[in-house]
Protein backbone atom coordinates (compact mmCIF):
# COMPACT_ATOMS: atom_id res chain seq x y z
CA UNK A 1 -0.18 0.15 -0.17
CA UNK A 2 1.34 3.46 -0.95
CA UNK A 3 2.09 5.92 1.52
CA UNK A 4 -0.07 9.28 2.13
CA UNK A 5 2.07 12.18 0.76
CA UNK A 6 3.38 14.10 3.63
CA UNK A 7 3.69 17.79 3.79
CA UNK A 8 7.14 19.60 4.14
CA UNK A 9 7.33 21.59 6.91
CA UNK A 10 9.85 23.75 8.95
CA UNK A 11 11.47 22.14 12.02
CA UNK A 12 11.18 23.65 15.30
CA UNK A 13 14.47 25.65 16.31
CA UNK A 14 14.80 23.49 19.68
CA UNK A 15 15.12 20.69 17.24
CA UNK A 16 17.27 22.02 14.82
CA UNK A 17 19.76 22.60 17.63
CA UNK A 18 19.28 18.70 18.78
CA UNK A 19 20.05 17.58 15.23
CA UNK A 20 23.17 19.95 15.49
CA UNK A 21 24.08 18.40 18.66
CA UNK A 22 23.98 15.28 17.19
CA UNK A 23 26.59 16.42 14.79
CA UNK A 24 29.03 18.21 17.50
CA UNK A 25 28.25 17.00 20.75
CA UNK A 26 28.65 13.05 20.74
CA UNK A 27 29.86 13.10 24.15
CA UNK A 28 31.35 15.25 27.25
CA UNK A 29 34.73 14.91 25.59
CA UNK A 30 33.39 16.50 22.39
CA UNK A 31 31.87 19.35 23.72
CA UNK A 32 34.95 19.71 26.05
CA UNK A 33 37.03 19.92 22.84
CA UNK A 34 34.66 23.00 21.83
CA UNK A 35 34.74 25.16 24.74
CA UNK A 36 38.76 24.60 25.10
CA UNK A 37 39.20 25.62 21.44
CA UNK A 38 36.91 28.65 21.62
CA UNK A 39 39.26 29.59 24.60
CA UNK A 40 42.10 28.83 22.30
CA UNK A 41 40.77 31.27 19.79
CA UNK A 42 40.03 33.87 22.26
CA UNK A 43 44.16 34.21 22.71
CA UNK A 44 43.92 32.67 26.16
CA UNK A 45 47.19 32.37 27.96
CA UNK A 46 45.97 30.33 30.86
CA UNK A 47 42.81 27.82 30.83
CA UNK A 48 41.54 25.94 33.48
CA UNK A 49 39.23 22.69 32.92
CA UNK A 50 37.23 21.26 36.04
CA UNK A 51 35.26 18.13 35.29
CA UNK A 52 32.82 15.94 37.33
CA UNK A 53 31.96 12.48 36.99
CA UNK A 54 33.64 12.27 33.57
CA UNK A 55 32.21 15.56 32.21
CA UNK A 56 28.26 14.00 32.97
CA UNK A 57 27.66 16.04 35.95
CA UNK A 58 29.77 19.24 35.02
CA UNK A 59 32.26 20.76 32.04
CA UNK A 60 33.64 24.31 33.33
CA UNK A 61 36.49 26.10 31.34
CA UNK A 62 37.70 29.28 32.25
CA UNK A 63 40.23 31.37 30.23
CA UNK A 64 41.84 34.79 30.28
CA UNK A 65 40.99 35.32 26.50
CA UNK A 66 39.34 38.52 25.13
CA UNK A 67 36.06 38.12 26.60
CA UNK A 68 32.47 39.18 25.36
CA UNK A 69 30.11 41.72 25.71
CA UNK A 70 26.37 41.26 26.97
CA UNK A 71 25.29 41.55 23.14
CA UNK A 72 28.10 39.14 21.98
CA UNK A 73 27.10 36.15 24.80
CA UNK A 74 23.37 36.67 23.06
CA UNK A 75 24.64 36.03 19.55
CA UNK A 76 27.20 33.46 20.48
CA UNK A 77 24.31 31.14 21.56
CA UNK A 78 22.48 31.68 18.13
CA UNK A 79 23.52 29.20 15.12
CA UNK A 80 25.82 29.81 12.81
CA UNK A 81 27.07 32.92 14.48
CA UNK A 82 30.47 33.34 14.90
CA UNK A 83 33.48 35.89 15.23
CA UNK A 84 36.01 33.49 13.44
CA UNK A 85 35.49 34.39 10.03
CA UNK A 86 36.01 37.91 8.99
CA UNK A 87 34.43 37.49 5.29
CA UNK A 88 33.39 34.46 3.33
CA UNK A 89 36.41 32.77 2.55
CA UNK A 90 35.49 29.47 4.72
CA UNK A 91 38.29 27.93 2.90
CA UNK A 92 40.60 30.34 4.58
CA UNK A 93 39.84 29.83 7.80
CA UNK A 94 42.69 29.87 10.64
CA UNK A 95 41.40 29.22 14.05
CA UNK A 96 40.04 25.91 15.63
CA UNK A 97 36.51 26.59 15.44
CA UNK A 98 34.10 28.52 13.20
CA UNK A 99 30.63 26.72 12.20
CA UNK A 100 28.94 29.09 15.16
CA UNK A 101 26.99 25.75 16.23
CA UNK A 102 28.79 24.53 19.38
CA UNK A 103 27.18 26.67 22.30
CA UNK A 104 23.81 26.48 20.69
CA UNK A 105 23.75 22.88 20.22
CA UNK A 106 25.49 22.27 23.85
CA UNK A 107 22.82 24.55 25.19
CA UNK A 108 19.87 22.55 23.71
CA UNK A 109 21.08 19.60 25.52
CA UNK A 110 22.41 20.62 28.85
CA UNK A 111 22.14 23.70 31.21
CA UNK A 112 24.90 26.11 30.09
CA UNK A 113 26.04 29.23 32.18
CA UNK A 114 28.23 31.76 30.31
CA UNK A 115 30.12 34.31 32.36
CA UNK A 116 32.19 36.74 30.61
CA UNK A 117 34.29 40.28 30.59
CA UNK A 118 36.09 41.93 27.80
CA UNK A 119 38.83 43.66 28.90
CA UNK A 120 39.66 45.54 32.30
CA UNK A 121 37.19 47.93 32.24
CA UNK A 122 34.50 46.25 30.68
CA UNK A 123 31.10 44.67 32.45
CA UNK A 124 31.07 41.27 33.32
CA UNK A 125 27.72 39.58 32.17
CA UNK A 126 26.26 36.15 32.36
CA UNK A 127 23.61 34.21 30.63
CA UNK A 128 22.00 31.17 31.62
CA UNK A 129 19.95 28.53 29.08
CA UNK A 130 18.88 25.10 30.37
CA UNK A 131 18.29 22.99 27.34
CA UNK A 132 17.35 25.95 25.00
CA UNK A 133 15.53 27.67 27.23
CA UNK A 134 16.61 30.88 28.63
CA UNK A 135 16.63 31.07 32.09
CA UNK A 136 18.37 34.24 33.46
CA UNK A 137 20.57 37.02 31.99
CA UNK A 138 22.27 39.74 33.74
CA UNK A 139 25.41 41.23 35.40
CA UNK A 140 28.41 39.21 36.90
CA UNK A 141 31.41 39.15 39.10
CA UNK A 142 34.06 37.98 36.86
CA UNK A 143 37.79 39.07 35.97
CA UNK A 144 38.87 39.52 32.12
CA UNK A 145 38.23 36.33 30.30
CA UNK A 146 35.59 33.87 29.95
CA UNK A 147 33.91 31.16 31.88
CA UNK A 148 31.45 28.37 30.45
CA UNK A 149 29.73 25.87 32.85
CA UNK A 150 28.06 22.84 31.21
CA UNK A 151 25.70 20.71 33.46
CA UNK A 152 23.74 17.57 33.41
CA UNK A 153 24.62 16.95 30.06
CA UNK A 154 21.78 15.25 28.00
CA UNK A 155 19.91 15.04 31.22
CA UNK A 156 16.72 16.04 29.56
CA UNK A 157 17.42 13.52 26.53
CA UNK A 158 17.30 9.93 28.00
CA UNK A 159 17.84 8.46 24.38
CA UNK A 160 21.21 10.17 24.19
CA UNK A 161 22.18 9.89 27.76
CA UNK A 162 21.72 6.03 27.95
CA UNK A 163 24.33 5.62 24.90
CA UNK A 164 26.90 7.45 26.68
CA UNK A 165 29.69 5.18 28.41
CA UNK A 166 30.70 5.02 32.22
CA UNK A 167 32.22 8.25 34.02
CA UNK A 168 35.43 6.57 34.14
CA UNK A 169 35.39 5.82 30.19
CA UNK A 170 34.21 9.68 29.62
CA UNK A 171 36.74 10.68 32.00
CA UNK A 172 39.81 9.01 29.93
CA UNK A 173 38.00 10.65 26.56
CA UNK A 174 37.92 13.84 27.96
CA UNK A 175 41.47 13.56 29.53
CA UNK A 176 43.00 12.71 26.18
CA UNK A 177 41.14 16.02 24.71
CA UNK A 178 43.01 18.33 26.71
CA UNK A 179 46.24 16.58 26.80
CA UNK A 180 46.13 16.65 22.49
CA UNK A 181 44.98 20.57 22.71
CA UNK A 182 47.75 21.32 25.02
CA UNK A 183 50.60 19.80 23.24
CA UNK A 184 49.14 21.88 20.03
CA UNK A 185 49.83 24.79 22.18
CA UNK A 186 52.98 25.11 24.43
CA UNK A 187 52.45 28.93 24.96
CA UNK A 188 49.28 28.29 26.50
CA UNK A 189 48.93 26.91 30.20
CA UNK A 190 46.38 24.26 31.05
CA UNK A 191 45.38 22.62 34.44
CA UNK A 192 42.89 19.95 34.42
CA UNK A 193 40.81 18.75 37.52
CA UNK A 194 38.19 15.93 37.78
CA UNK A 195 36.25 15.44 40.85
CA UNK A 196 38.24 17.81 43.20
CA UNK A 197 41.87 16.42 41.89
CA UNK A 198 44.45 17.96 39.71
CA UNK A 199 45.13 15.43 36.91
CA UNK A 200 46.89 17.75 34.67
CA UNK A 201 48.90 21.20 35.03
CA UNK A 202 51.24 22.61 32.47
CA UNK A 203 53.06 26.19 32.33
CA UNK A 204 52.65 28.20 29.48
CA UNK A 205 55.93 29.10 27.47
CA UNK A 206 57.00 25.29 27.23
CA UNK A 207 59.52 24.27 24.62
CA UNK A 208 57.68 21.45 22.02
CA UNK A 209 59.91 18.89 23.61
CA UNK A 210 59.53 19.80 27.14
CA UNK A 211 55.43 19.99 26.50
CA UNK A 212 55.64 16.38 24.84
CA UNK A 213 57.59 14.76 27.82
CA UNK A 214 55.39 16.36 30.04
CA UNK A 215 51.99 15.29 28.27
CA UNK A 216 52.70 11.94 26.70
CA UNK A 217 55.61 10.27 28.49
CA UNK A 218 58.74 11.26 30.44
CA UNK A 219 60.94 8.41 28.49
CA UNK A 220 60.88 10.10 25.19
CA UNK A 221 63.08 12.77 26.53
CA UNK A 222 65.91 9.91 26.38
CA UNK A 223 64.33 7.55 23.87
CA UNK A 224 63.00 10.11 20.46
CA UNK A 225 64.46 12.41 18.17
CA UNK A 226 63.37 15.75 17.01
CA UNK A 227 61.83 16.22 13.50
CA UNK A 228 62.28 19.36 11.46
CA UNK A 229 61.67 19.39 7.62
CA UNK A 230 60.82 22.18 5.23
CA UNK A 231 59.60 21.81 1.59
CA UNK A 232 58.74 25.21 0.54
CA UNK A 233 56.04 26.51 2.41
CA UNK A 234 55.05 23.13 3.97
CA UNK A 235 56.59 22.72 7.54
CA UNK A 236 56.93 19.43 9.52
CA UNK A 237 58.20 19.52 12.92
CA UNK A 238 57.79 17.30 16.36
CA UNK A 239 59.36 14.65 18.30
CA UNK A 240 59.44 11.08 17.33
CA UNK A 241 60.19 8.01 19.57
CA UNK A 242 62.92 5.50 18.36
CA UNK A 243 61.73 2.36 16.96
CA UNK A 244 62.62 0.62 20.43
CA UNK A 245 60.10 2.59 22.30
CA UNK A 246 57.19 1.79 21.20
CA UNK A 247 53.31 0.72 22.59
CA UNK A 248 50.92 -2.01 21.80
CA UNK A 249 48.08 0.53 21.11
CA UNK A 250 48.45 3.45 18.32
CA UNK A 251 46.53 5.63 21.08
CA UNK A 252 50.20 7.56 21.69
CA UNK A 253 50.15 8.93 18.49
CA UNK A 254 49.58 12.86 18.45
CA UNK A 255 49.25 14.28 14.99
CA UNK A 256 48.21 18.23 14.05
CA UNK A 257 47.63 20.06 11.30
CA UNK A 258 47.92 23.89 11.69
CA UNK A 259 47.47 23.36 15.33
CA UNK A 260 44.42 21.42 15.02
CA UNK A 261 44.60 17.79 16.58
CA UNK A 262 43.46 15.38 13.85
CA UNK A 263 43.18 11.55 13.43
CA UNK A 264 43.54 11.32 9.81
CA UNK A 265 43.86 8.26 8.02
CA UNK A 266 46.29 9.62 5.49
CA UNK A 267 48.53 10.69 8.31
CA UNK A 268 48.48 7.69 10.26
CA UNK A 269 49.12 5.46 7.23
CA UNK A 270 52.23 7.72 6.35
CA UNK A 271 53.63 7.10 10.17
CA UNK A 272 52.99 3.31 9.73
CA UNK A 273 55.01 3.78 6.67
CA UNK A 274 57.92 5.55 7.86
CA UNK A 275 58.54 3.10 10.72
CA UNK A 276 57.40 0.10 8.28
CA UNK A 277 60.62 -1.88 8.84
CA UNK A 278 61.35 -0.62 12.39
CA UNK A 279 58.30 -2.12 14.34
CA UNK A 280 56.63 -5.40 14.53
CA UNK A 281 53.14 -5.17 12.83
CA UNK A 282 51.29 -5.22 16.38
CA UNK A 283 53.60 -2.40 17.57
CA UNK A 284 53.05 1.13 17.48
CA UNK A 285 55.13 4.07 17.25
CA UNK A 286 55.15 6.89 19.97
CA UNK A 287 55.43 10.57 18.61
CA UNK A 288 53.74 14.24 18.43
CA UNK A 289 54.13 15.29 14.84
CA UNK A 290 52.92 19.19 13.60
CA UNK A 291 52.45 20.25 9.98
CA UNK A 292 52.10 23.42 9.12
CA UNK A 293 50.59 23.97 5.64
CA UNK A 294 49.18 26.73 3.70
CA UNK A 295 45.27 27.01 4.25
CA UNK A 296 44.27 26.89 0.91
CA UNK A 297 46.25 23.39 0.61
CA UNK A 298 44.11 21.52 3.17
CA UNK A 299 40.29 21.37 3.60
CA UNK A 300 39.11 21.18 7.22
CA UNK A 301 35.66 21.18 6.77
CA UNK A 302 35.44 17.65 5.75
CA UNK A 303 33.92 16.54 9.32
CA UNK A 304 31.93 17.88 11.73
CA UNK A 305 34.32 17.57 14.84
CA UNK A 306 37.25 18.34 12.25
CA UNK A 307 39.25 15.48 13.14
CA UNK A 308 39.78 14.62 9.63
CA UNK A 309 41.54 16.79 6.88
CA UNK A 310 41.90 16.72 3.21
CA UNK A 311 44.70 17.79 1.41
CA UNK A 312 45.34 19.35 -2.11
CA UNK A 313 48.28 16.95 -2.80
CA UNK A 314 47.86 14.08 -0.45
CA UNK A 315 51.08 12.41 -2.17
CA UNK A 316 53.25 15.36 -1.23
CA UNK A 317 52.09 15.19 2.40
CA UNK A 318 52.50 11.53 3.04
CA UNK A 319 56.43 11.77 1.29
CA UNK A 320 57.10 14.73 3.71
CA UNK A 321 56.05 12.57 6.57
CA UNK A 322 57.83 9.22 5.59
CA UNK A 323 60.88 11.27 4.81
CA UNK A 324 60.75 13.58 7.59
CA UNK A 325 60.61 10.84 9.97
CA UNK A 326 63.13 8.71 8.36
CA UNK A 327 65.80 11.12 8.15
CA UNK A 328 65.17 12.16 11.85
CA UNK A 329 65.29 8.55 12.71
CA UNK A 330 68.33 8.53 11.01
CA UNK A 331 70.08 10.74 13.84
CA UNK A 332 69.58 8.07 16.42
CA UNK A 333 69.71 5.19 13.86
CA UNK A 334 72.62 3.41 16.17
CA UNK A 335 70.63 4.30 19.39
CA UNK A 336 67.91 2.14 21.33
CA UNK A 337 65.89 2.41 24.27
CA UNK A 338 68.48 2.29 27.10
CA UNK A 339 66.14 2.17 29.85
CA UNK A 340 66.67 -1.31 31.27
CA UNK A 341 63.20 -3.08 31.89
CA UNK A 342 62.72 -2.49 35.43
CA UNK A 343 61.93 -6.25 36.38
CA UNK A 344 64.83 -7.46 34.72
CA UNK A 345 67.20 -4.99 36.42
CA UNK A 346 65.50 -6.21 40.07
CA UNK A 347 66.75 -9.82 38.98
CA UNK A 348 70.26 -8.18 39.05
CA UNK A 349 70.44 -8.68 43.00
CA UNK A 350 72.42 -10.64 44.96
CA UNK A 351 71.14 -13.78 46.46
CA UNK A 352 72.31 -15.60 49.52
CA UNK A 353 74.11 -18.91 48.41
CA UNK A 354 73.74 -21.84 51.05
CA UNK A 355 76.84 -23.03 51.40
CA UNK A 356 77.20 -27.05 50.58
CA UNK A 357 77.63 -28.72 53.82
CA UNK A 358 78.25 -32.41 54.37
CA UNK A 359 75.79 -34.34 56.40
CA UNK A 360 77.68 -33.82 59.70
CA UNK A 361 76.66 -30.39 61.32
CA UNK A 362 80.34 -29.95 62.57
CA UNK A 363 83.48 -30.67 60.84
CA UNK A 364 85.41 -30.02 63.39
CA UNK A 365 84.38 -32.29 66.15
CA UNK A 366 82.97 -35.05 63.43
CA UNK A 367 84.35 -38.66 63.47
CA UNK A 368 84.60 -38.89 59.95
CA UNK A 369 87.95 -37.94 58.13
CA UNK A 370 87.78 -34.57 57.02
CA UNK A 371 87.01 -33.86 53.27
CA UNK A 372 89.89 -34.00 50.53
CA UNK A 373 90.76 -30.54 49.26
CA UNK A 374 89.14 -30.31 45.69
CA UNK A 375 91.06 -28.84 42.90
CA UNK A 376 88.97 -25.66 42.78
CA UNK A 377 89.86 -25.29 46.55
CA UNK A 378 93.59 -25.59 46.05
CA UNK A 379 93.22 -22.92 42.74
CA UNK A 380 91.26 -20.47 45.31
CA UNK A 381 94.04 -20.89 47.63
CA UNK A 382 96.60 -20.25 45.14
CA UNK A 383 94.85 -17.11 44.04
CA UNK A 384 94.63 -15.87 47.70
CA UNK A 385 98.42 -16.45 47.84
CA UNK A 386 98.80 -14.66 44.48
CA UNK A 387 96.91 -11.60 45.84
CA UNK A 388 99.19 -11.41 49.07
CA UNK A 389 102.09 -11.59 47.29
CA UNK A 390 104.06 -8.23 47.03
CA UNK A 391 102.92 -6.44 43.97
CA UNK A 392 105.77 -7.57 41.62
CA UNK A 393 104.52 -11.11 41.82
CA UNK A 394 100.96 -10.09 41.05
CA UNK A 395 99.70 -11.67 37.81
CA UNK A 396 99.08 -9.17 34.35
CA UNK A 397 95.54 -8.39 33.20
CA UNK A 398 93.94 -11.17 31.59
CA UNK A 399 93.00 -8.93 28.47
CA UNK A 400 93.86 -5.55 26.76
CA UNK A 401 93.01 -2.06 27.36
CA UNK A 402 89.39 -1.58 25.95
CA UNK A 403 89.80 0.49 22.69
CA UNK A 404 87.42 3.51 21.91
CA UNK A 405 84.86 1.86 20.33
CA UNK A 406 81.07 2.90 20.78
CA UNK A 407 80.23 -0.78 21.50
CA UNK A 408 83.26 -1.87 22.51
CA UNK A 409 85.13 -5.01 22.52
CA UNK A 410 83.87 -8.74 22.46
CA UNK A 411 84.51 -10.63 25.73
CA UNK A 412 82.35 -13.52 24.81
CA UNK A 413 79.12 -15.03 24.33
CA UNK A 414 76.18 -16.16 26.57
CA UNK A 415 73.81 -18.95 25.63
CA UNK A 416 75.25 -18.75 21.75
CA UNK A 417 72.79 -15.65 21.90
CA UNK A 418 74.02 -12.86 23.26
CA UNK A 419 77.44 -11.07 22.73
CA UNK A 420 79.01 -9.44 25.57
CA UNK A 421 81.09 -6.66 24.95
CA UNK A 422 83.11 -4.39 27.10
CA UNK A 423 83.30 -0.49 26.37
CA UNK A 424 84.54 2.56 27.95
CA UNK A 425 81.52 3.31 29.64
CA UNK A 426 80.30 0.10 30.36
CA UNK A 427 78.91 -3.18 29.83
CA UNK A 428 76.98 -3.82 26.20
CA UNK A 429 75.17 -6.89 25.29
CA UNK A 430 73.92 -7.78 22.04
CA UNK A 431 71.02 -9.66 20.47
CA UNK A 432 73.45 -11.31 17.60
CA UNK A 433 70.51 -12.52 15.44
CA UNK A 434 68.66 -9.13 15.98
CA UNK A 435 71.55 -7.36 15.24
CA UNK A 436 72.44 -9.17 11.91
CA UNK A 437 69.14 -9.11 10.75
CA UNK A 438 69.18 -5.15 10.81
CA UNK A 439 72.26 -5.18 8.98
CA UNK A 440 71.34 -7.78 6.21
CA UNK A 441 68.12 -5.45 5.55
CA UNK A 442 70.50 -2.68 5.18
CA UNK A 443 72.70 -4.05 2.66
CA UNK A 444 69.90 -5.50 0.75
CA UNK A 445 68.21 -1.94 0.89
CA UNK A 446 71.71 -0.51 -0.26
CA UNK A 447 71.98 -2.62 -2.85
CA UNK A 448 68.68 -2.19 -4.26
CA UNK A 449 69.35 1.71 -4.32
CA UNK A 450 72.36 1.76 -6.20
CA UNK A 451 72.60 1.40 -10.18
CA UNK A 452 71.78 -2.22 -11.43
CA UNK A 453 70.98 -5.28 -9.53
CA UNK A 454 72.10 -6.46 -5.72
CA UNK A 455 74.95 -9.31 -5.81
CA UNK A 456 73.08 -12.74 -6.28
CA UNK A 457 74.25 -16.40 -5.68
CA UNK A 458 73.21 -18.73 -8.24
CA UNK A 459 71.31 -22.32 -7.07
CA UNK A 460 73.41 -24.89 -8.66
CA UNK A 461 70.42 -26.33 -9.08
CA UNK A 462 67.29 -23.94 -9.64
CA UNK A 463 64.51 -24.88 -6.81
CA UNK A 464 60.79 -25.26 -7.29
CA UNK A 465 58.42 -23.63 -4.98
CA UNK A 466 54.89 -24.90 -5.00
CA UNK A 467 52.26 -22.46 -4.25
CA UNK A 468 48.68 -21.71 -5.00
CA UNK A 469 48.12 -20.07 -8.53
CA UNK A 470 47.27 -16.47 -7.18
CA UNK A 471 50.28 -16.23 -5.25
CA UNK A 472 52.46 -17.24 -8.00
CA UNK A 473 50.96 -14.61 -10.21
CA UNK A 474 51.51 -11.95 -7.41
CA UNK A 475 55.35 -13.22 -7.52
CA UNK A 476 55.54 -13.23 -11.09
CA UNK A 477 54.12 -9.80 -11.75
CA UNK A 478 57.09 -8.51 -8.38
CA UNK A 479 59.75 -10.64 -10.16
CA UNK A 480 61.67 -7.45 -11.73
CA UNK A 481 61.80 -5.60 -8.89
CA UNK A 482 62.42 -8.57 -6.74
CA UNK A 483 65.83 -9.20 -9.13
CA UNK A 484 66.81 -5.82 -8.86
CA UNK A 485 67.32 -6.92 -4.98
CA UNK A 486 68.97 -10.85 -6.14
CA UNK A 487 65.78 -12.80 -5.80
CA UNK A 488 65.85 -14.75 -9.47
CA UNK A 489 62.29 -16.06 -10.01
CA UNK A 490 60.44 -17.35 -12.99
CA UNK A 491 56.88 -19.02 -13.43
CA UNK A 492 57.00 -22.87 -13.40
CA UNK A 493 53.65 -23.76 -14.62
CA UNK A 494 50.36 -22.42 -13.23
CA UNK A 495 51.36 -23.21 -9.45
CA UNK A 496 54.60 -22.79 -8.81
CA UNK A 497 57.80 -20.77 -8.96
CA UNK A 498 61.36 -21.43 -9.97
CA UNK A 499 64.01 -20.25 -8.13
CA UNK A 500 67.34 -19.45 -9.98
CA UNK A 501 69.00 -17.11 -7.70
CA UNK A 502 68.97 -16.05 -4.36
CA UNK A 503 70.67 -12.58 -2.59
CA UNK A 504 74.35 -13.06 -1.99
CA UNK A 505 73.69 -12.13 1.93
CA UNK A 506 70.99 -14.77 2.01
CA UNK A 507 73.08 -17.46 0.46
CA UNK A 508 72.66 -20.74 2.57
CA UNK A 509 69.36 -20.00 3.83
CA UNK A 510 65.91 -21.90 3.26
CA UNK A 511 64.89 -20.75 -0.05
CA UNK A 512 61.15 -22.64 0.20
CA UNK A 513 60.25 -20.63 3.10
CA UNK A 514 61.84 -17.61 1.85
CA UNK A 515 59.84 -17.53 -1.14
CA UNK A 516 56.65 -18.37 0.62
CA UNK A 517 56.87 -15.52 3.17
CA UNK A 518 57.83 -13.03 0.36
CA UNK A 519 54.45 -14.45 -1.43
CA UNK A 520 52.60 -13.74 1.81
CA UNK A 521 53.69 -10.01 2.25
CA UNK A 522 52.74 -9.44 -1.41
CA UNK A 523 49.27 -11.06 -0.57
CA UNK A 524 48.81 -9.01 2.25
CA UNK A 525 50.15 -5.49 1.21
CA UNK A 526 48.41 -5.92 -2.20
CA UNK A 527 49.93 -4.65 -5.29
CA UNK A 528 51.34 -1.54 -4.64
CA UNK A 529 53.69 -3.17 -2.29
CA UNK A 530 56.63 -3.11 -3.72
CA UNK A 531 56.16 0.70 -4.23
CA UNK A 532 58.24 3.35 -2.02
CA UNK A 533 58.46 2.25 1.87
CA UNK A 534 56.06 -0.81 1.37
CA UNK A 535 58.88 -2.55 -0.63
CA UNK A 536 60.55 -2.44 2.54
CA UNK A 537 58.45 -5.10 4.11
CA UNK A 538 59.47 -7.68 1.60
CA UNK A 539 62.95 -6.82 2.05
CA UNK A 540 62.64 -7.18 5.65
CA UNK A 541 61.22 -10.74 5.46
CA UNK A 542 64.48 -11.59 3.34
CA UNK A 543 66.68 -10.28 5.72
CA UNK A 544 65.34 -12.41 8.62
CA UNK A 545 65.91 -15.79 6.35
CA UNK A 546 69.84 -14.33 6.02
CA UNK A 547 70.62 -13.74 9.39
CA UNK A 548 72.41 -15.32 11.92
CA UNK A 549 70.35 -17.22 14.39
CA UNK A 550 70.48 -17.35 18.17
CA UNK A 551 72.19 -20.85 19.14
CA UNK A 552 74.85 -20.01 16.95
CA UNK A 553 78.53 -20.43 18.55
CA UNK A 554 80.67 -17.38 17.41
CA UNK A 555 83.90 -16.68 17.28
CA UNK A 556 85.92 -13.34 18.81
CA UNK A 557 86.67 -12.10 15.25
CA UNK A 558 83.27 -12.91 14.33
CA UNK A 559 81.86 -10.78 17.18
CA UNK A 560 83.77 -7.69 16.75
CA UNK A 561 83.27 -7.87 13.07
CA UNK A 562 79.55 -7.51 13.73
CA UNK A 563 79.98 -4.88 16.39
CA UNK A 564 82.13 -2.76 14.02
CA UNK A 565 79.41 -3.06 11.41
CA UNK A 566 76.84 -2.02 13.82
CA UNK A 567 78.64 1.33 14.84
CA UNK A 568 78.94 1.95 10.68
CA UNK A 569 75.33 0.79 9.76
CA UNK A 570 72.04 2.87 9.86
CA UNK A 571 69.05 2.23 11.97
CA UNK A 572 71.47 -0.75 13.82
CA UNK A 573 69.97 0.25 17.29
CA UNK A 574 66.89 -1.67 16.46
CA UNK A 575 65.95 -4.89 14.82
CA UNK A 576 63.31 -4.92 11.82
CA UNK A 577 60.62 -5.68 14.46
CA UNK A 578 61.24 -2.59 16.48
CA UNK A 579 63.32 -4.66 19.64
CA UNK A 580 66.54 -3.46 20.54
CA UNK A 581 69.63 -4.85 19.20
CA UNK A 582 71.89 -3.72 22.03
CA UNK A 583 71.75 -2.72 25.82
CA UNK A 584 74.39 -0.88 28.28
CA UNK A 585 74.45 -0.98 31.61
CA UNK A 586 76.84 1.90 32.33
CA UNK A 587 79.85 1.83 35.21
CA UNK A 588 77.27 3.68 37.72
CA UNK A 589 74.60 0.86 37.11
CA UNK A 590 76.98 -1.92 37.73
CA UNK A 591 78.41 -0.16 40.79
CA UNK A 592 74.90 0.14 42.42
CA UNK A 593 74.36 -3.57 41.82
CA UNK A 594 77.21 -4.49 43.85
CA UNK A 595 76.42 -1.89 46.37
CA UNK A 596 79.35 0.51 45.65
CA UNK A 597 76.81 3.35 45.20
């Protein structure tokens, strides 16, 4: 049955505001974001935020910005009224907000009190709106600036209220909002209180590095590099954590475009690409990046909350982020996150060793004959005698002086896995597999970046690798580029590949496993894998097959050769999966372990 025709009508103003609120005010954190951005746009140097119950009961934002007169407060509560667009050039907006919908939208779903005073000689004024209805309008007592109180958010809109999360979850989202905005403006001081407890406080005038370390992670001070890249009118700057300093989630990536916090897929993908061969795929970098671009090169109006942007030249932006991060990480390419794991350090404690006693409890009064002195006991007595002898009779040092190599000289190997080296400033432990994996990758990359083809090792007998047909199709399509790195493949029927050669640095490896893993990488990352930074994923897979494995005994000469190559190889401080290749225990730390400090 057909539906009867319905008359088109205008929606009432309060319903229009509630619909707009659905776009702008999803939860307390989104309302808080709008209010803090207004304070920033007002030129504040100090912004104080108070929350109760995660923002569900109270959101209060106080600033010392330019303030508003009485008539401006009334206008600010009307839809599509703004002071942030001096003309109709909407694409040239330079402020954080301008839609003119935030305050009326919030006021339609909460009780909002706006108090403001413009300048030192102006009169303070207050206006209260409760879920769209004007409650009061009159003089107030307030220093220059603005204070906005939002109470009982969605209190009269139960359908929206029931979809909000717990106060604890809403508090976490609100804290993230303030942290990101405080990162964007180190020139502004911020304080944040929740349920009467101060959770965040930063002073105005911080450096970018200091503000980032204070708000993201204090360890970044010692485990990060500075990013600074200029290309014409584009400027990328910030702080990037070393690959070895990583997290299991991407929540510690802070990205900004023209001072605006964003969560943009293009930028997130560029960061992932920059760290592609330095992090395991389930680990994420820690960083804060600030991109400044001409306003006409970016559209900030693609999302109501402005968390996504659209660039006129996305390839330029992506390439700039990838190259900027990689250049910065090259400055710390042999560094590793050197803060030892706390639990591991606690294990370095002297445990009392119970003496091995014979069954008799008292040797001196035992009826049994005294035990025979062992060879070890004789050696110990000889050592004691040597130590008690005059200096001229003492033994010479067992090892030569330590040369001034950054990673020291090899002294031995533990569990056929870790190299122990002595440096001038401490003890160095090297994971031989992780370190060699990085060295092989960098050799492959350097060979492929040069002219011609990387050195290849021809197989005496070509090897057939059986795969499914789609995998063979992908390998065949990529065969030319793979050959540039020394992996010579050709089609051998519908479901097999013939391997005629492998990169010289991978000779002796498992050819079957190598080809299958490369095929898996091609399948997982798509046809564009061998373009730009994605090609490094294949190289990382190849490098893993050609590296020295844990469990292999190395000679001292081999260990020292590995250390020397690490010292001159880019990014040797971390393996291809973001784990450290070496750690150092400084002399001072060793002395503390033995109670000397």
